[in-house]
Amino acid sequence: MPRCLPVNVFRLILFCCSLSWLAACAPITPPRASVAPALPPSWQAPLPHGGSLADMALWWQGLDDPVLVGLVQAAQNLSPSAASALARVAQARAARTAAAASLQPSLDGSAGAARSSAQTGLAAASSLQAGVQASWELDLFGAHRSADEAAQARLQSAQAQWHDARISVAAELARHYFNQRYCELQVAIVARDAASRARTSGATALSAQAGLTAPSLAALAGAAAAQASAQLTQQRAQCALEIKALVALSGVAEPALRQQLAAAPTDLSPQAALAVPSVPAQALEQRPDLVSAQRDIAAASAEFGVAQAQRYPSLALRGAIGAMALRMGGASDERSTWSIGPLSLAVPLFDGGRRAAGEQAAQARQEEAVALYQARARQAVREVEEALLNLNSAAAQSADARAADAGYRVALAAADARYAGGFASLLELEDTRRSALAAESALVGLRRDRIQAWIALYRAVGGAW
């Protein structure tokens, strides 16, 4: 048997070469869908001035806020949607490996041993045998190649969906993070107003007790103080809700999260990070959801090719080599066997329309993938346009909001001084106070809206991927 083994190996190599030669037949190439992105040559919304588009790739670092960077990373690691997307990547990778394996021959080894006796008085016989069997379905019409292409496209689509999940989680956490930070600024504003109204209420009550002020004015001052206290309670509750959202997203314990937020930078809107000079329409090519939709089209097109190839004949080739050793008494015999074949051809004749229906279904899925891609592209254009418009609008209002805030501060100080000197009424003071509070709150809200529009733009152009 040892002397026969090289011959068997040579025959096996020759057998595999013959399979490769037969598989080299040119397959029928199924039609592929060709979809041009439905993107505008340029955005129609006005673009903010200054800054650099390249900074968007380093968005979180560009804000110079290590607390935000850490929370984003924690949320991405904890997110069930990102974990689910990553599991789908693993599944798609396994499917891709299985599809690629169908292009190669399969080899199965076998071995056996037996001992028997046929007649009384004769020595028992021992036999040993081993062999290798090979089979290969030749991809004459490209069914396996198309399946491999579809699996590869599905894998790329799953990878893009994983990136999209991570970007969505980052944007969601950043949205709640800045909502909470600006909420704390609003708490400080309302707290100052509540304290001021409480002082005014106390002074007015003393004046009313002395008979210098009408009781109705004292009641008005007390009502204003109570209203401010209620607003402060409501604002603090809103901030607590944002804390709960951050805890759920990041998995960080609330006490530790509160400590991190207390140590976070106080500058919440660095101008350099929020400025975007231009966003070319080609930036949408980096959106993971559009990349995923494009790869879905490619996969559906390849699966259409699989359905087409299944309507044609299939050819399979099998072969085997083996060796056997027989020993009985003092005699032994060694033999080797090999075979190429059978070469089997299966021709579809009648299946009740099953293969034709499969082809029609595959074509419909291809058309559906194209329609979904086009719809996502239009939605992506809308999201970018809206984010740019909101960002530009917030930037344009900033100067006026700062001027209004400064003016009302001066007016409130003057009204407070006049009231203390007896030259202004409490109604005038409270009206001026409410105007100043509204102006300061509007300025803080505008800063929050601007950074939220920037987050929306980050999400709309596909983040840093």
Protein backbone atom coordinates (compact mmCIF):
# COMPACT_ATOMS: atom_id res chain seq x y z
CA MET A 1 0.00 0.00 0.00
CA PRO A 2 2.74 2.56 0.71
CA ARG A 3 4.03 2.17 -2.86
CA CYS A 4 0.56 2.81 -4.30
CA LEU A 5 -0.12 6.00 -2.30
CA PRO A 6 1.84 8.44 -4.52
CA VAL A 7 -0.04 7.14 -7.55
CA ASN A 8 -3.32 7.73 -5.76
CA VAL A 9 -2.30 11.26 -4.82
CA PHE A 10 -1.36 11.92 -8.44
CA ARG A 11 -4.71 10.62 -9.59
CA LEU A 12 -6.51 12.79 -7.07
CA ILE A 13 -4.63 15.87 -8.30
CA LEU A 14 -5.49 14.95 -11.86
CA PHE A 15 -9.11 14.52 -10.86
CA CYS A 16 -9.27 17.96 -9.23
CA CYS A 17 -7.62 19.56 -12.26
CA SER A 18 -10.26 18.04 -14.47
CA LEU A 19 -12.94 19.49 -12.24
CA SER A 20 -11.32 22.93 -12.46
CA TRP A 21 -11.20 22.69 -16.23
CA LEU A 22 -14.87 21.80 -16.46
CA ALA A 23 -15.81 24.57 -14.01
CA ALA A 24 -13.99 27.14 -16.15
CA CYS A 25 -16.94 27.20 -18.57
CA ALA A 26 -18.22 30.74 -18.87
CA PRO A 27 -21.35 31.17 -16.72
CA ILE A 28 -24.39 33.07 -17.87
CA THR A 29 -24.18 36.52 -16.35
CA PRO A 30 -27.57 37.62 -15.00
CA PRO A 31 -28.64 41.25 -15.38
CA ARG A 32 -27.68 43.62 -12.59
CA ALA A 33 -29.57 46.67 -11.43
CA SER A 34 -27.74 49.94 -11.92
CA VAL A 35 -28.95 52.75 -9.67
CA ALA A 36 -27.52 56.26 -9.74
CA PRO A 37 -27.79 58.06 -6.41
CA ALA A 38 -30.67 60.52 -6.43
CA LEU A 39 -28.55 63.31 -4.95
CA PRO A 40 -28.61 67.03 -5.73
CA PRO A 41 -25.51 68.71 -7.18
CA SER A 42 -25.49 71.04 -4.16
CA TRP A 43 -27.57 71.76 -1.10
CA GLN A 44 -30.22 74.48 -1.33
CA ALA A 45 -30.19 75.49 2.33
CA PRO A 46 -27.83 78.33 3.33
CA LEU A 47 -24.60 77.11 4.88
CA PRO A 48 -23.03 78.58 8.03
CA HIS A 49 -19.68 80.29 7.52
CA GLY A 50 -16.34 79.37 9.02
CA GLY A 51 -14.95 76.03 10.24
CA SER A 52 -14.04 72.95 8.25
CA LEU A 53 -15.99 69.95 7.06
CA ALA A 54 -13.06 67.70 7.91
CA ASP A 55 -13.67 68.46 11.59
CA MET A 56 -16.86 66.41 11.42
CA ALA A 57 -14.79 63.23 11.39
CA LEU A 58 -13.46 64.25 14.85
CA TRP A 59 -16.71 65.69 16.11
CA TRP A 60 -16.72 64.44 19.67
CA GLN A 61 -13.04 65.24 20.17
CA GLY A 62 -13.57 68.61 18.51
CA LEU A 63 -15.95 69.65 21.29
CA ASP A 64 -13.10 69.14 23.78
CA ASP A 65 -15.40 67.39 26.25
CA PRO A 66 -13.90 64.16 27.62
CA VAL A 67 -17.07 63.43 29.59
CA LEU A 68 -19.11 63.35 26.39
CA VAL A 69 -16.52 61.19 24.62
CA GLY A 70 -16.55 58.66 27.45
CA LEU A 71 -20.33 58.51 27.61
CA VAL A 72 -20.60 58.04 23.85
CA GLN A 73 -18.17 55.13 23.96
CA ALA A 74 -19.99 53.56 26.89
CA ALA A 75 -23.34 53.89 25.14
CA GLN A 76 -22.01 52.33 21.94
CA ASN A 77 -20.59 49.39 23.88
CA LEU A 78 -23.84 48.90 25.78
CA SER A 79 -26.38 49.56 23.04
CA PRO A 80 -28.61 46.57 22.25
CA SER A 81 -29.15 47.87 18.73
CA ALA A 82 -25.40 47.98 18.09
CA ALA A 83 -24.97 44.53 19.63
CA SER A 84 -27.79 43.16 17.49
CA ALA A 85 -26.26 44.72 14.38
CA LEU A 86 -22.88 43.22 15.27
CA ALA A 87 -24.51 39.78 15.65
CA ARG A 88 -26.03 40.18 12.19
CA VAL A 89 -22.54 40.93 10.87
CA ALA A 90 -21.30 37.63 12.33
CA GLN A 91 -24.25 35.79 10.78
CA ALA A 92 -23.64 37.40 7.41
CA ARG A 93 -19.93 36.53 7.58
CA ALA A 94 -20.78 32.89 8.27
CA ALA A 95 -23.24 32.89 5.37
CA ARG A 96 -20.56 34.39 3.14
CA THR A 97 -18.16 31.58 4.10
CA ALA A 98 -20.80 28.97 3.35
CA ALA A 99 -21.58 30.53 -0.04
CA ALA A 100 -17.91 30.65 -0.99
CA ALA A 101 -17.52 27.00 0.01
CA SER A 102 -20.15 25.97 -2.55
CA LEU A 103 -17.71 27.00 -5.30
CA GLN A 104 -15.16 24.44 -4.13
CA PRO A 105 -15.24 20.64 -4.23
CA SER A 106 -16.09 18.74 -1.09
CA LEU A 107 -13.82 15.98 0.21
CA ASP A 108 -14.91 13.30 2.65
CA GLY A 109 -12.55 10.76 4.16
CA SER A 110 -13.51 7.30 5.33
CA ALA A 111 -11.74 4.50 7.15
CA GLY A 112 -12.79 1.09 8.41
CA ALA A 113 -11.48 -2.12 9.96
CA ALA A 114 -13.07 -5.58 10.14
CA ARG A 115 -12.20 -9.10 11.29
CA SER A 116 -14.24 -12.09 10.18
CA SER A 117 -14.19 -15.81 9.54
CA ALA A 118 -16.04 -17.37 6.59
CA GLN A 119 -15.60 -21.15 7.23
CA THR A 120 -14.89 -23.33 10.19
CA GLY A 121 -11.28 -24.34 10.36
CA LEU A 122 -9.99 -21.43 8.34
CA ALA A 123 -8.02 -18.58 9.85
CA ALA A 124 -9.83 -15.33 10.59
CA ALA A 125 -9.32 -12.53 8.09
CA SER A 126 -8.47 -8.91 8.98
CA SER A 127 -9.19 -6.07 6.59
CA LEU A 128 -8.28 -2.37 6.69
CA GLN A 129 -9.54 0.19 4.21
CA ALA A 130 -9.29 3.95 3.78
CA GLY A 131 -10.42 6.30 1.06
CA VAL A 132 -11.26 9.85 -0.02
CA GLN A 133 -14.41 10.80 -1.88
CA ALA A 134 -14.76 14.06 -3.79
CA SER A 135 -17.79 15.74 -5.29
CA TRP A 136 -18.27 19.00 -7.09
CA GLU A 137 -21.34 20.63 -8.57
CA LEU A 138 -19.93 22.54 -11.51
CA ASP A 139 -21.07 26.16 -11.62
CA LEU A 140 -21.80 26.18 -15.33
CA PHE A 141 -24.44 28.92 -15.23
CA GLY A 142 -23.15 31.04 -12.36
CA ALA A 143 -25.64 30.07 -9.64
CA HIS A 144 -22.96 29.58 -6.99
CA ARG A 145 -21.01 32.64 -8.09
CA SER A 146 -24.14 34.75 -7.84
CA ALA A 147 -24.92 33.31 -4.41
CA ASP A 148 -21.40 34.18 -3.30
CA GLU A 149 -21.80 37.74 -4.60
CA ALA A 150 -25.13 38.05 -2.79
CA ALA A 151 -23.63 36.82 0.48
CA GLN A 152 -20.75 39.26 0.16
CA ALA A 153 -23.17 42.13 -0.47
CA ARG A 154 -25.28 41.09 2.52
CA LEU A 155 -22.17 41.07 4.67
CA GLN A 156 -21.25 44.59 3.56
CA SER A 157 -24.84 45.70 4.19
CA ALA A 158 -24.75 44.26 7.72
CA GLN A 159 -21.44 46.00 8.41
CA ALA A 160 -22.92 49.32 7.26
CA GLN A 161 -25.96 48.77 9.50
CA TRP A 162 -23.62 48.24 12.44
CA HIS A 163 -21.94 51.57 11.74
CA ASP A 164 -25.36 53.20 11.40
CA ALA A 165 -26.42 51.80 14.79
CA ARG A 166 -23.30 53.18 16.45
CA ILE A 167 -23.81 56.61 14.90
CA SER A 168 -27.46 56.66 15.97
CA VAL A 169 -26.53 55.75 19.54
CA ALA A 170 -23.85 58.44 19.64
CA ALA A 171 -26.23 61.10 18.34
CA GLU A 172 -28.98 60.05 20.75
CA LEU A 173 -26.67 60.17 23.75
CA ALA A 174 -25.25 63.54 22.68
CA ARG A 175 -28.76 64.92 22.31
CA HIS A 176 -29.71 63.95 25.87
CA TYR A 177 -26.30 65.05 27.16
CA PHE A 178 -26.64 68.60 25.89
CA ASN A 179 -30.31 68.74 26.83
CA GLN A 180 -29.26 67.98 30.40
CA ARG A 181 -26.41 70.47 30.39
CA TYR A 182 -28.56 73.30 29.04
CA CYS A 183 -31.35 72.26 31.38
CA GLU A 184 -29.01 72.96 34.28
CA LEU A 185 -28.37 76.42 32.86
CA GLN A 186 -32.13 76.97 32.75
CA VAL A 187 -32.35 75.81 36.37
CA ALA A 188 -29.81 78.47 37.36
CA ILE A 189 -31.81 81.15 35.53
CA VAL A 190 -35.13 80.13 37.07
CA ALA A 191 -33.50 79.79 40.52
CA ARG A 192 -32.19 83.35 40.35
CA ASP A 193 -35.60 84.57 39.27
CA ALA A 194 -37.33 82.63 42.06
CA ALA A 195 -34.96 84.07 44.67
CA SER A 196 -35.50 87.59 43.35
CA ARG A 197 -39.28 87.19 43.38
CA ALA A 198 -39.13 85.76 46.91
CA ARG A 199 -37.20 88.83 48.10
CA THR A 200 -39.68 91.11 46.39
CA SER A 201 -42.58 89.21 47.95
CA GLY A 202 -41.05 89.46 51.43
CA ALA A 203 -40.36 93.19 51.11
CA THR A 204 -43.83 93.85 49.75
CA ALA A 205 -45.47 91.88 52.57
CA LEU A 206 -43.61 93.95 55.19
CA SER A 207 -44.63 97.13 53.42
CA ALA A 208 -48.26 96.01 53.32
CA GLN A 209 -48.17 95.21 57.04
CA ALA A 210 -46.91 98.75 57.70
CA GLY A 211 -49.75 100.16 55.63
CA LEU A 212 -47.46 101.55 52.95
CA THR A 213 -48.49 99.11 50.20
CA ALA A 214 -51.89 97.86 49.14
CA PRO A 215 -52.64 94.25 50.17
CA SER A 216 -53.43 93.40 46.54
CA LEU A 217 -49.85 94.21 45.54
CA ALA A 218 -48.54 91.99 48.33
CA ALA A 219 -50.77 89.18 47.08
CA LEU A 220 -49.48 89.73 43.52
CA ALA A 221 -45.88 89.54 44.69
CA GLY A 222 -46.61 86.36 46.63
CA ALA A 223 -48.29 84.76 43.60
CA ALA A 224 -45.33 85.66 41.39
CA ALA A 225 -42.94 84.08 43.92
CA ALA A 226 -45.02 80.90 44.09
CA GLN A 227 -45.17 80.67 40.31
CA ALA A 228 -41.39 81.00 40.05
CA SER A 229 -40.94 78.29 42.69
CA ALA A 230 -43.21 75.95 40.72
CA GLN A 231 -41.27 76.66 37.53
CA LEU A 232 -38.04 75.85 39.34
CA THR A 233 -39.43 72.51 40.54
CA GLN A 234 -40.59 71.65 37.02
CA GLN A 235 -37.24 72.57 35.50
CA ARG A 236 -35.36 70.43 38.00
CA ALA A 237 -37.65 67.49 37.24
CA GLN A 238 -36.89 67.89 33.52
CA CYS A 239 -33.16 67.78 34.26
CA ALA A 240 -33.65 64.65 36.35
CA LEU A 241 -35.43 62.98 33.44
CA GLU A 242 -32.46 63.72 31.19
CA ILE A 243 -30.19 62.16 33.82
CA LYS A 244 -32.30 59.02 33.78
CA ALA A 245 -32.05 58.87 29.99
CA LEU A 246 -28.25 59.19 30.13
CA VAL A 247 -28.04 56.43 32.76
CA ALA A 248 -30.13 54.12 30.57
CA LEU A 249 -28.06 54.84 27.45
CA SER A 250 -24.58 54.71 28.97
CA GLY A 251 -25.02 52.21 31.79
CA VAL A 252 -23.13 54.54 34.16
CA ALA A 253 -24.52 54.62 37.70
CA GLU A 254 -26.39 57.81 38.49
CA PRO A 255 -24.11 58.98 41.34
CA ALA A 256 -21.03 58.52 39.17
CA LEU A 257 -22.77 60.19 36.24
CA ARG A 258 -23.67 63.22 38.33
CA GLN A 259 -20.04 63.52 39.41
CA GLN A 260 -18.90 63.40 35.79
CA LEU A 261 -21.40 66.04 34.76
CA ALA A 262 -20.30 68.30 37.60
CA ALA A 263 -16.72 68.09 36.32
CA ALA A 264 -17.63 68.60 32.64
CA PRO A 265 -16.52 71.74 30.76
CA THR A 266 -18.77 74.77 31.23
CA ASP A 267 -18.42 75.97 27.62
CA LEU A 268 -21.20 74.08 25.87
CA SER A 269 -21.03 75.62 22.40
CA PRO A 270 -17.51 76.15 21.04
CA GLN A 271 -17.94 78.14 17.85
CA ALA A 272 -15.15 76.39 15.91
CA ALA A 273 -16.72 72.97 16.36
CA LEU A 274 -20.19 74.13 15.37
CA ALA A 275 -19.25 75.94 12.18
CA VAL A 276 -19.69 74.11 8.88
CA PRO A 277 -18.66 75.93 5.69
CA SER A 278 -20.06 73.46 3.18
CA VAL A 279 -21.41 69.96 2.81
CA PRO A 280 -20.96 68.51 -0.68
CA ALA A 281 -23.74 66.30 -1.93
CA GLN A 282 -21.23 63.46 -2.24
CA ALA A 283 -21.01 63.42 1.56
CA LEU A 284 -24.11 61.25 1.55
CA GLU A 285 -22.01 58.44 0.11
CA GLN A 286 -20.65 57.88 3.63
CA ARG A 287 -24.10 57.46 5.18
CA PRO A 288 -24.19 53.86 6.44
CA ASP A 289 -27.91 53.46 5.75
CA LEU A 290 -27.40 54.42 2.11
CA VAL A 291 -24.38 52.15 1.83
CA SER A 292 -26.48 49.35 3.29
CA ALA A 293 -29.29 50.07 0.81
CA GLN A 294 -26.85 50.02 -2.10
CA ARG A 295 -25.44 46.67 -1.01
CA ASP A 296 -28.98 45.35 -0.61
CA ILE A 297 -29.56 46.20 -4.28
CA ALA A 298 -26.41 44.32 -5.24
CA ALA A 299 -27.47 41.33 -3.14
CA ALA A 300 -30.97 41.30 -4.62
CA SER A 301 -29.51 41.52 -8.12
CA ALA A 302 -27.18 38.58 -7.44
CA GLU A 303 -30.04 36.57 -5.95
CA PHE A 304 -31.99 37.27 -9.12
CA GLY A 305 -29.08 35.70 -10.99
CA VAL A 306 -29.29 32.65 -8.73
CA ALA A 307 -32.98 32.29 -9.51
CA GLN A 308 -32.26 32.55 -13.23
CA ALA A 309 -29.47 29.96 -13.12
CA GLN A 310 -31.70 27.47 -11.35
CA ARG A 311 -33.80 27.23 -14.53
CA TYR A 312 -30.84 25.76 -16.41
CA PRO A 313 -29.29 22.26 -16.20
CA SER A 314 -26.88 21.41 -13.41
CA LEU A 315 -23.79 19.23 -13.73
CA ALA A 316 -22.13 17.34 -10.91
CA LEU A 317 -18.97 15.23 -10.90
CA ARG A 318 -17.87 12.73 -8.30
CA GLY A 319 -14.78 10.64 -7.75
CA ALA A 320 -12.97 8.58 -5.17
CA ILE A 321 -9.66 6.94 -4.36
CA GLY A 322 -9.14 4.20 -1.81
CA ALA A 323 -6.78 1.59 -0.47
CA MET A 324 -7.47 -1.75 1.20
CA ALA A 325 -5.26 -4.23 3.02
CA LEU A 326 -6.40 -7.84 3.65
CA ARG A 327 -4.53 -10.26 5.93
CA MET A 328 -5.55 -13.87 6.51
CA GLY A 329 -3.27 -16.38 8.15
CA GLY A 330 0.21 -15.68 6.88
CA ALA A 331 -0.92 -14.16 3.56
CA SER A 332 -1.63 -10.50 2.87
CA ASP A 333 -2.95 -8.54 -0.06
CA GLU A 334 -2.97 -4.79 -0.73
CA ARG A 335 -5.08 -3.07 -3.35
CA SER A 336 -5.94 0.47 -4.38
CA THR A 337 -8.97 1.77 -6.24
CA TRP A 338 -9.91 5.00 -7.91
CA SER A 339 -12.79 6.33 -9.93
CA ILE A 340 -13.83 9.50 -11.72
CA GLY A 341 -17.56 9.76 -12.08
CA PRO A 342 -20.33 9.51 -12.45
CA LEU A 343 -20.74 12.78 -14.30
CA SER A 344 -24.43 13.48 -13.71
CA LEU A 345 -26.56 16.01 -15.56
CA ALA A 346 -29.91 17.21 -14.17
CA VAL A 347 -32.20 19.01 -16.60
CA PRO A 348 -35.30 20.80 -15.25
CA LEU A 349 -38.30 19.69 -17.30
CA PHE A 350 -41.44 20.41 -15.34
CA ASP A 351 -41.87 21.86 -11.85
CA GLY A 352 -45.30 23.44 -12.03
CA GLY A 353 -43.84 26.93 -12.45
CA ARG A 354 -41.83 26.86 -9.20
CA ARG A 355 -38.56 28.07 -10.70
CA ALA A 356 -40.28 30.73 -12.81
CA ALA A 357 -42.10 31.98 -9.72
CA GLY A 358 -38.82 32.09 -7.82
CA GLU A 359 -37.28 34.18 -10.57
CA GLN A 360 -40.23 36.59 -10.54
CA ALA A 361 -40.04 36.90 -6.76
CA ALA A 362 -36.30 37.62 -6.95
CA GLN A 363 -36.91 40.29 -9.57
CA ALA A 364 -39.59 41.87 -7.38
CA ARG A 365 -37.18 41.94 -4.43
CA GLN A 366 -34.62 43.62 -6.64
CA GLU A 367 -37.12 46.31 -7.64
CA GLU A 368 -38.11 46.74 -3.99
CA ALA A 369 -34.47 47.26 -2.99
CA VAL A 370 -34.10 49.93 -5.67
CA ALA A 371 -37.22 51.73 -4.48
CA LEU A 372 -36.09 51.62 -0.84
CA TYR A 373 -32.71 53.02 -1.78
CA GLN A 374 -34.22 55.91 -3.70
CA ALA A 375 -36.58 56.69 -0.81
CA ARG A 376 -33.70 56.67 1.67
CA ALA A 377 -31.66 58.92 -0.58
CA ARG A 378 -34.49 61.47 -0.73
CA GLN A 379 -34.91 61.29 3.04
CA ALA A 380 -31.16 61.77 3.50
CA VAL A 381 -31.24 64.90 1.35
CA ARG A 382 -34.11 66.24 3.43
CA GLU A 383 -32.33 65.55 6.72
CA VAL A 384 -29.16 67.32 5.59
CA GLU A 385 -31.14 70.30 4.26
CA GLU A 386 -33.12 70.62 7.49
CA ALA A 387 -30.04 70.32 9.68
CA LEU A 388 -28.21 72.97 7.66
CA LEU A 389 -31.21 75.27 7.75
CA ASN A 390 -31.63 74.93 11.52
CA LEU A 391 -27.92 75.40 12.10
CA ASN A 392 -27.81 78.50 9.94
CA SER A 393 -30.97 79.92 11.53
CA ALA A 394 -29.63 79.46 15.06
CA ALA A 395 -26.35 81.13 14.10
CA ALA A 396 -28.17 84.05 12.48
CA GLN A 397 -30.28 84.63 15.60
CA SER A 398 -27.37 84.52 18.02
CA ALA A 399 -26.32 88.16 17.71
CA ASP A 400 -29.87 89.47 18.16
CA ALA A 401 -30.48 87.14 21.12
CA ARG A 402 -27.31 88.34 22.85
CA ALA A 403 -28.25 91.95 22.27
CA ALA A 404 -31.75 91.39 23.64
CA ASP A 405 -30.38 89.63 26.71
CA ALA A 406 -27.92 92.44 27.42
CA GLY A 407 -30.59 95.11 26.94
CA TYR A 408 -33.09 93.47 29.25
CA ARG A 409 -30.43 93.02 31.91
CA VAL A 410 -29.82 96.77 31.89
CA ALA A 411 -33.56 97.45 31.95
CA LEU A 412 -34.09 95.09 34.88
CA ALA A 413 -31.30 96.69 36.88
CA ALA A 414 -32.79 100.12 36.24
CA ALA A 415 -36.32 99.00 37.13
CA ASP A 416 -35.05 97.39 40.33
CA ALA A 417 -33.29 100.60 41.31
CA ARG A 418 -36.37 102.69 40.57
CA TYR A 419 -38.57 100.35 42.56
CA ALA A 420 -36.19 100.49 45.53
CA GLY A 421 -36.32 104.29 45.37
CA GLY A 422 -40.07 104.36 45.09
CA PHE A 423 -40.14 105.61 41.51
CA ALA A 424 -41.46 102.39 39.89
CA SER A 425 -44.35 100.12 40.67
CA LEU A 426 -44.13 96.44 41.47
CA LEU A 427 -46.04 95.66 38.27
CA GLU A 428 -43.38 97.47 36.25
CA LEU A 429 -40.61 95.61 38.06
CA GLU A 430 -42.22 92.20 37.58
CA ASP A 431 -42.97 92.88 33.93
CA THR A 432 -39.35 93.87 33.31
CA ARG A 433 -38.16 90.82 35.25
CA ARG A 434 -40.25 88.47 33.14
CA SER A 435 -38.91 90.05 29.95
CA ALA A 436 -35.32 89.68 31.15
CA LEU A 437 -35.93 86.06 32.15
CA ALA A 438 -37.48 85.29 28.77
CA ALA A 439 -34.53 86.88 26.94
CA GLU A 440 -31.97 84.92 28.95
CA SER A 441 -33.89 81.68 28.54
CA ALA A 442 -34.22 82.31 24.81
CA LEU A 443 -30.46 82.80 24.53
CA VAL A 444 -29.75 79.53 26.33
CA GLY A 445 -32.40 77.76 24.26
CA LEU A 446 -30.88 79.12 21.07
CA ARG A 447 -27.45 77.79 22.04
CA ARG A 448 -29.04 74.42 22.74
CA ASP A 449 -30.91 74.44 19.42
CA ARG A 450 -27.70 75.23 17.57
CA ILE A 451 -25.75 72.34 18.98
CA GLN A 452 -28.74 70.02 18.51
CA ALA A 453 -28.85 71.06 14.84
CA TRP A 454 -25.15 70.26 14.62
CA ILE A 455 -25.79 66.80 16.08
CA ALA A 456 -28.56 66.31 13.51
CA LEU A 457 -26.12 67.28 10.76
CA TYR A 458 -23.56 64.84 12.11
CA ARG A 459 -26.19 62.13 11.96
CA ALA A 460 -27.49 63.20 8.53
CA VAL A 461 -24.11 62.94 6.77
CA GLY A 462 -23.25 59.58 8.30
CA GLY A 463 -21.13 60.65 11.25
CA ALA A 464 -17.45 59.89 11.32
CA TRP A 465 -17.56 56.69 9.29
